[in-house]
Amino acid sequence: MIGFEGKIGVVTGGASGIGAAVTRGFAKHGGTAVIVDFDQKRGVDLVEDIRGGGGKADFVACDLRERFQIDAMVKTVVSRHRRIDFLHNNGYAIWRGNDSAALLGGVGDEHWDHVMNVGLTSAFRVSRSVLPVMASQGGGSIVNTSSTAAYHAERHIGPYAVAKAGISQLTRAIAVEYASSGIRCNAVCPGVINTPLIAGAPLDASFIDGIPLGRLGEAEEIANVILFLASDVASYVTGALIVADGGRTI
């Protein structure tokens, strides 16, 4: 029942992980998927792969830390495709500094600012640029990637958890403010998903035992939830935060 024929979807952080799975799924269901990422090689390779399978895709390079690049990216998409029907805010802030495993008392300003800028502020800026486009065409759907970390506190991920809690509230704010413009905004809150970002993470048997379904999630499983929320099948769903974590938070 899900179909995106004739629709344009923009996926930030769309070249890998959950973003790549959403990109592939959107194109598979007939839409034109626009990958937005700073990794040009990976993005172009994914576009070629999708086109090789008969799908429609495009790539626009963008550093989500830079406001002017975000505005330019949205203008480029509209110039090429004339509209934006779906936006997936999926920018992920990973910190490579020396205090990456620090508790809040040891988090430096650079660490905090980076995580907030990429993980939260970029979603606001991209949405701010896309919302007038969607409103002018009569509607659209925005789906943000939040996290189960927005619901509970864990050691070592304080900045990330705060950013994701902000994403959840940004989702609600957009849903309330733009419902009258025909725009829906929802968020998916994944648990720990089997993507390259967690490769090498110390997830022992006790961690897996804490997940009722007994395993990590796959990127495609999260993408399925996002594509449902993006589609007209979810036409009466807005402001929702959908947890997809194999039952871990319960």
Foldseek 3Di string as FASTA:
>chain_A
DFAQALAEEEEEVLLFFLNVLLQLVNQVRHYEYEYEEQPVVSQVVSQVVSVVVVTHYHYDYADLLDLVRLLVRLVVCCVVRVAHAEYELEFAQQDDDPCQQPFPVPDDPVSLVRRLRRLAVSVVSNCVNRVVRQLVVQEHEYEYEAACLCVDDDHRCVSNNVSSVNVLVVQLVCQVVCVVSHYAGEYEHEYAEPTPVCVPPPQDQVNLVLQQQSDHHYSNVSSVVVSCRRGCVPSVDHSYYHYDYNRNVD
